[in-house]
C-alpha atoms as a PDB file:
ATOM      1  CA  UNK A   1      -0.122  -0.353   0.124  1.00  0.00           C
ATOM      2  CA  UNK A   2       0.817   3.477  -0.126  1.00  0.00           C
ATOM      3  CA  UNK A   3       2.410   5.199   2.218  1.00  0.00           C
ATOM      4  CA  UNK A   4      -0.834   6.486   4.433  1.00  0.00           C
ATOM      5  CA  UNK A   5      -3.342   5.396   2.992  1.00  0.00           C
ATOM      6  CA  UNK A   6      -5.852   3.271   4.561  1.00  0.00           C
ATOM      7  CA  UNK A   7      -7.248   0.290   2.940  1.00  0.00           C
ATOM      8  CA  UNK A   8     -10.900   1.919   2.893  1.00  0.00           C
ATOM      9  CA  UNK A   9      -9.655   4.961   0.618  1.00  0.00           C
ATOM     10  CA  UNK A  10      -6.907   2.799  -1.146  1.00  0.00           C
ATOM     11  CA  UNK A  11      -9.816   0.264  -1.944  1.00  0.00           C
ATOM     12  CA  UNK A  12     -12.756   2.910  -2.913  1.00  0.00           C
ATOM     13  CA  UNK A  13      -9.457   4.658  -4.909  1.00  0.00           C
ATOM     14  CA  UNK A  14      -9.376   1.418  -6.830  1.00  0.00           C
ATOM     15  CA  UNK A  15     -12.469   0.607  -7.532  1.00  0.00           C
ATOM     16  CA  UNK A  16     -13.065   3.814  -8.992  1.00  0.00           C
ATOM     17  CA  UNK A  17     -10.205   3.797 -10.684  1.00  0.00           C
ATOM     18  CA  UNK A  18     -11.621  -0.096 -12.027  1.00  0.00           C
ATOM     19  CA  UNK A  19     -15.742   1.796 -12.595  1.00  0.00           C
ATOM     20  CA  UNK A  20     -13.947   4.335 -14.529  1.00  0.00           C
ATOM     21  CA  UNK A  21     -12.180   1.834 -16.972  1.00  0.00           C
ATOM     22  CA  UNK A  22     -14.910  -0.140 -17.589  1.00  0.00           C
ATOM     23  CA  UNK A  23     -17.404   3.010 -18.216  1.00  0.00           C
ATOM     24  CA  UNK A  24     -14.259   4.322 -20.704  1.00  0.00           C
ATOM     25  CA  UNK A  25     -14.538   1.181 -22.820  1.00  0.00           C
ATOM     26  CA  UNK A  26     -18.271   0.381 -22.368  1.00  0.00           C
ATOM     27  CA  UNK A  27     -17.827   4.014 -24.614  1.00  0.00           C
ATOM     28  CA  UNK A  28     -15.672   3.379 -27.463  1.00  0.00           C
ATOM     29  CA  UNK A  29     -17.012  -0.532 -27.869  1.00  0.00           C
ATOM     30  CA  UNK A  30     -20.673   2.054 -28.703  1.00  0.00           C
ATOM     31  CA  UNK A  31     -18.745   4.556 -30.705  1.00  0.00           C
ATOM     32  CA  UNK A  32     -16.578   2.203 -33.051  1.00  0.00           C
ATOM     33  CA  UNK A  33     -19.972  -0.029 -33.319  1.00  0.00           C
ATOM     34  CA  UNK A  34     -21.960   2.766 -34.578  1.00  0.00           C
ATOM     35  CA  UNK A  35     -18.160   3.188 -37.363  1.00  0.00           C
ATOM     36  CA  UNK A  36     -18.669  -1.100 -38.697  1.00  0.00           C
ATOM     37  CA  UNK A  37     -22.394  -0.555 -38.836  1.00  0.00           C
ATOM     38  CA  UNK A  38     -21.111   2.486 -40.990  1.00  0.00           C
ATOM     39  CA  UNK A  39     -18.298   0.782 -42.992  1.00  0.00           C
ATOM     40  CA  UNK A  40     -20.670  -2.349 -44.092  1.00  0.00           C
ATOM     41  CA  UNK A  41     -23.417   0.071 -45.192  1.00  0.00           C
ATOM     42  CA  UNK A  42     -21.603   1.706 -47.229  1.00  0.00           C
ATOM     43  CA  UNK A  43     -19.402  -2.208 -48.082  1.00  0.00           C
ATOM     44  CA  UNK A  44     -22.185  -3.111 -49.235  1.00  0.00           C
ATOM     45  CA  UNK A  45     -23.770   0.292 -51.382  1.00  0.00           C
ATOM     46  CA  UNK A  46     -20.306  -0.478 -53.407  1.00  0.00           C
ATOM     47  CA  UNK A  47     -20.939  -3.654 -53.934  1.00  0.00           C
ATOM     48  CA  UNK A  48     -24.861  -3.475 -56.002  1.00  0.00           C
ATOM     49  CA  UNK A  49     -23.661  -0.097 -57.514  1.00  0.00           C
END
């Protein structure tokens, strides 16, 4: 443990950082999932032309 930090504080910080990381990965996943859908639609349109 870092010097001067209690277990409770350390665990709170760890939990907050873990939740933030998970929320960030979900945002990135949803953002790129939309890009993939648009890319698939563009490819299908180009193939059918």
